[in-house]
N, C-alpha and C. Protein backbone atom coordinates (compact mmCIF):
# COMPACT_ATOMS: atom_id res chain seq x y z
N MET A 1 0.60 -1.33 -0.11
CA MET A 1 -0.23 -0.60 -0.35
C MET A 1 0.79 1.95 -0.02
N ARG A 2 2.11 1.48 -0.68
CA ARG A 2 2.70 2.54 -0.39
C ARG A 2 2.34 3.18 -1.76
N GLY A 3 2.59 4.51 -1.80
CA GLY A 3 2.04 5.19 -2.51
C GLY A 3 0.77 5.15 -2.26
N VAL A 4 0.15 4.69 -1.83
CA VAL A 4 -1.56 5.19 -1.91
C VAL A 4 -2.33 5.94 -1.29
N LYS A 5 -2.76 7.55 -1.99
CA LYS A 5 -2.53 7.86 -0.44
C LYS A 5 -4.01 8.33 -0.44
N THR A 6 -4.18 8.41 0.82
CA THR A 6 -6.27 8.67 1.84
C THR A 6 -6.30 9.83 1.36
N ARG A 7 -7.24 10.01 1.61
CA ARG A 7 -8.36 11.38 1.84
C ARG A 7 -7.80 11.98 2.88
N SER A 8 -7.57 11.53 4.22
CA SER A 8 -7.34 12.37 4.28
C SER A 8 -6.27 13.18 5.24
N SER A 9 -5.08 12.36 4.67
CA SER A 9 -3.78 12.94 3.62
C SER A 9 -3.77 13.65 3.00
N SER A 10 -4.72 13.74 1.53
CA SER A 10 -4.66 14.63 0.28
C SER A 10 -5.06 16.14 0.52
N LEU A 11 -6.47 16.27 1.91
CA LEU A 11 -6.45 16.99 1.95
C LEU A 11 -6.46 18.29 3.40
N SER A 12 -5.91 18.66 2.94
CA SER A 12 -5.29 20.32 4.24
C SER A 12 -6.69 20.44 5.14
N PRO A 13 -6.82 20.54 5.91
CA PRO A 13 -7.62 20.94 7.07
C PRO A 13 -7.72 22.52 7.32
N ALA A 14 -7.51 23.98 6.85
CA ALA A 14 -8.12 24.88 6.47
C ALA A 14 -8.68 25.27 4.99
N SER A 15 -8.53 24.38 4.36
CA SER A 15 -8.89 24.65 2.44
C SER A 15 -10.52 23.46 2.88
N SER A 16 -10.66 22.79 3.89
CA SER A 16 -12.46 21.69 3.65
C SER A 16 -13.27 22.60 4.41
N SER A 17 -13.15 23.59 5.26
CA SER A 17 -13.46 23.98 6.30
C SER A 17 -15.04 24.38 6.10
N PRO A 18 -15.81 23.83 6.45
CA PRO A 18 -17.37 24.38 5.72
C PRO A 18 -17.47 25.98 6.10
N PRO A 19 -18.85 26.06 5.31
CA PRO A 19 -18.95 28.00 6.22
C PRO A 19 -19.43 27.55 7.67
N SER A 20 -19.44 28.26 7.85
CA SER A 20 -20.44 28.83 9.09
C SER A 20 -21.68 29.01 8.90
N PRO A 21 -22.22 28.46 10.14
CA PRO A 21 -23.83 28.40 10.57
C PRO A 21 -23.64 29.97 9.53
N SER A 22 -23.83 30.91 10.36
CA SER A 22 -24.44 31.92 10.50
C SER A 22 -24.27 32.51 9.15
N ARG A 23 -23.45 32.30 8.45
CA ARG A 23 -23.16 32.47 7.14
C ARG A 23 -23.95 32.28 5.85
N ALA A 24 -24.48 30.75 6.12
CA ALA A 24 -24.62 29.98 5.75
C ALA A 24 -26.23 30.73 5.45
N LEU A 25 -27.32 30.89 6.86
CA LEU A 25 -27.86 31.52 7.57
C LEU A 25 -28.53 32.79 7.22
N GLN A 26 -27.62 33.45 6.17
CA GLN A 26 -27.66 34.83 6.44
C GLN A 26 -27.81 34.43 4.33
N ASP A 27 -27.16 33.94 3.82
CA ASP A 27 -27.48 33.54 2.48
C ASP A 27 -28.77 33.29 1.97
N LYS A 28 -29.57 32.70 3.08
CA LYS A 28 -30.77 32.23 2.41
C LYS A 28 -32.34 32.84 3.02
N MET A 29 -33.34 32.88 2.00
CA MET A 29 -34.32 33.48 2.44
C MET A 29 -35.17 32.35 3.03
N THR A 30 -35.19 32.51 4.56
CA THR A 30 -36.01 31.65 5.03
C THR A 30 -37.23 32.02 5.16
N HIS A 31 -37.96 31.80 5.92
CA HIS A 31 -39.64 31.69 6.15
C HIS A 31 -39.96 33.11 6.57
N ASP A 32 -39.17 32.99 7.99
CA ASP A 32 -38.87 34.06 8.85
C ASP A 32 -38.45 35.21 8.29
N ALA A 33 -37.17 35.14 7.47
CA ALA A 33 -36.55 36.46 7.20
C ALA A 33 -37.52 36.82 5.54
N VAL A 34 -38.27 36.30 5.16
CA VAL A 34 -39.05 37.27 3.85
C VAL A 34 -40.56 37.51 4.81
N TRP A 35 -40.60 36.96 5.74
CA TRP A 35 -42.27 37.74 6.91
C TRP A 35 -42.13 38.87 7.12
N PHE A 36 -40.94 39.41 7.72
CA PHE A 36 -40.49 40.49 8.12
C PHE A 36 -39.71 41.35 7.45
N SER A 37 -39.27 41.41 6.62
CA SER A 37 -38.40 41.79 5.78
C SER A 37 -38.73 43.37 5.14
N ARG A 38 -39.71 43.70 5.18
CA ARG A 38 -39.88 44.97 4.84
C ARG A 38 -40.12 45.85 6.44
N PRO A 39 -39.88 47.33 6.18
CA PRO A 39 -40.32 47.87 7.79
C PRO A 39 -42.07 48.03 7.52
N ARG A 40 -42.78 48.20 8.51
CA ARG A 40 -44.43 48.61 8.73
C ARG A 40 -44.26 50.18 8.99
N LYS A 41 -44.48 50.56 8.30
CA LYS A 41 -44.63 52.26 8.78
C LYS A 41 -46.05 52.83 8.40
N PHE A 42 -46.70 52.20 8.11
CA PHE A 42 -48.41 52.38 7.62
C PHE A 42 -49.05 51.02 7.12
N GLY A 43 -50.07 50.81 7.02
CA GLY A 43 -51.28 50.03 7.32
C GLY A 43 -51.49 49.09 8.38
N LYS A 44 -52.09 48.39 8.43
CA LYS A 44 -53.06 47.41 9.29
C LYS A 44 -51.72 46.79 10.19
N GLY A 45 -50.47 46.98 9.45
CA GLY A 45 -49.24 45.44 9.91
C GLY A 45 -48.60 46.83 10.94
N SER A 46 -48.31 48.13 10.81
CA SER A 46 -47.96 48.94 11.84
C SER A 46 -48.51 49.34 12.19
N ARG A 47 -49.80 48.52 13.13
CA ARG A 47 -50.09 48.97 13.92
C ARG A 47 -50.77 48.34 14.68
N GLN A 48 -50.84 48.71 16.16
CA GLN A 48 -50.79 46.79 17.97
C GLN A 48 -51.50 48.40 18.60
N CYS A 49 -51.85 46.84 19.04
CA CYS A 49 -52.96 47.63 20.64
C CYS A 49 -51.29 47.45 21.97
N ARG A 50 -52.30 48.92 22.26
CA ARG A 50 -50.76 49.74 22.94
C ARG A 50 -51.11 48.41 24.83
N VAL A 51 -51.70 47.94 24.94
CA VAL A 51 -51.98 47.08 25.63
C VAL A 51 -51.70 45.95 25.65
N CYS A 52 -51.96 44.89 24.75
CA CYS A 52 -52.28 43.57 24.60
C CYS A 52 -51.15 43.44 23.27
N ALA A 53 -50.81 44.07 22.50
CA ALA A 53 -49.98 44.50 21.29
C ALA A 53 -50.84 44.11 20.07
N HIS A 54 -52.18 43.34 20.31
CA HIS A 54 -53.28 42.38 18.86
C HIS A 54 -53.25 43.35 18.42
N GLN A 55 -53.22 43.52 16.78
CA GLN A 55 -53.37 43.69 15.52
C GLN A 55 -54.65 44.12 14.97
N ALA A 56 -55.67 42.84 15.42
CA ALA A 56 -57.25 43.01 15.10
C ALA A 56 -58.09 44.02 16.15
N GLY A 57 -59.13 44.37 15.81
CA GLY A 57 -59.99 45.15 16.02
C GLY A 57 -59.74 46.17 16.83
N LEU A 58 -58.73 47.37 15.84
CA LEU A 58 -58.06 48.18 16.99
C LEU A 58 -59.07 49.43 16.55
N ILE A 59 -59.72 50.26 17.84
CA ILE A 59 -60.05 51.79 18.09
C ILE A 59 -58.75 52.59 18.10
N ARG A 60 -58.76 53.46 16.74
CA ARG A 60 -57.50 54.33 16.94
C ARG A 60 -58.33 55.89 16.83
N LYS A 61 -59.64 56.20 16.77
CA LYS A 61 -60.16 57.00 17.29
C LYS A 61 -59.37 58.36 18.42
N TYR A 62 -59.61 59.71 18.51
CA TYR A 62 -58.76 60.21 19.47
C TYR A 62 -57.63 59.97 19.67
N GLY A 63 -56.44 58.81 18.75
CA GLY A 63 -55.51 57.87 19.50
C GLY A 63 -55.11 57.49 20.21
N LEU A 64 -56.45 56.70 20.47
CA LEU A 64 -56.62 55.78 21.64
C LEU A 64 -55.40 54.21 21.51
N ASP A 65 -55.44 54.13 20.17
CA ASP A 65 -54.57 52.27 19.70
C ASP A 65 -55.31 51.70 20.43
N LEU A 66 -56.42 51.08 20.71
CA LEU A 66 -56.61 50.16 21.78
C LEU A 66 -57.60 48.93 21.08
N CYS A 67 -57.39 48.18 21.38
CA CYS A 67 -58.18 47.34 20.41
C CYS A 67 -58.85 46.84 21.49
N ARG A 68 -60.84 46.70 20.71
CA ARG A 68 -61.52 46.25 21.39
C ARG A 68 -61.96 45.93 22.74
N GLN A 69 -61.14 44.79 22.81
CA GLN A 69 -60.85 44.17 24.51
C GLN A 69 -60.42 44.73 25.45
N CYS A 70 -59.10 44.75 24.87
CA CYS A 70 -58.88 45.65 25.79
C CYS A 70 -60.02 47.60 26.04
N PHE A 71 -60.07 48.35 25.08
CA PHE A 71 -61.18 49.07 25.48
C PHE A 71 -62.52 48.64 26.43
N ARG A 72 -63.27 47.84 26.11
CA ARG A 72 -63.57 47.52 27.31
C ARG A 72 -63.36 47.48 28.72
N GLU A 73 -62.25 46.89 28.99
CA GLU A 73 -61.68 46.50 30.04
C GLU A 73 -61.80 47.85 30.53
N LYS A 74 -60.64 48.71 29.82
CA LYS A 74 -59.94 50.45 30.29
C LYS A 74 -61.07 51.57 29.76
N SER A 75 -62.42 51.16 29.42
CA SER A 75 -62.88 52.02 29.04
C SER A 75 -63.63 53.11 30.27
N ALA A 76 -63.91 52.86 31.79
CA ALA A 76 -64.14 53.63 32.48
C ALA A 76 -63.42 54.16 33.04
N GLN A 77 -61.80 53.38 33.25
CA GLN A 77 -60.99 54.26 34.13
C GLN A 77 -60.17 54.91 32.84
N ILE A 78 -60.29 55.35 30.91
CA ILE A 78 -60.12 56.47 30.78
C ILE A 78 -60.80 57.67 30.69
N GLY A 79 -62.35 57.15 31.07
CA GLY A 79 -63.28 58.21 31.45
C GLY A 79 -64.63 57.52 30.07
N PHE A 80 -65.22 56.98 29.50
CA PHE A 80 -65.76 57.39 28.30
C PHE A 80 -67.08 56.52 29.59
N THR A 81 -68.13 56.86 28.74
CA THR A 81 -69.23 56.29 29.57
C THR A 81 -70.32 55.94 28.83
N LYS A 82 -71.42 54.97 28.55
CA LYS A 82 -72.44 54.35 27.68
C LYS A 82 -73.69 55.04 27.90
N ASN A 83 -74.25 55.66 27.31
CA ASN A 83 -75.42 57.05 27.01
C ASN A 83 -76.23 56.05 26.46
N ARG A 84 -76.84 55.14 27.38
CA ARG A 84 -78.53 54.41 26.93
C ARG A 84 -79.85 54.98 27.86
């Protein structure tokens, strides 16, 4: 078996190092990277409830920015009364 090169002797450790995992993740556009890839400055995606961070059912009038569930809980503390 003289003169036969083995695989381990022919490859140097520095040249065969795999790319780092962080670099590999940066190169791929995964689902998470695509989902939040652009800034949310306007539209429904940019607003959330200031109490629970829910995005649906927002009451934006008067600058409240509360979802309807939190508004029902906090309406008396804010000063809203029901007139019927």
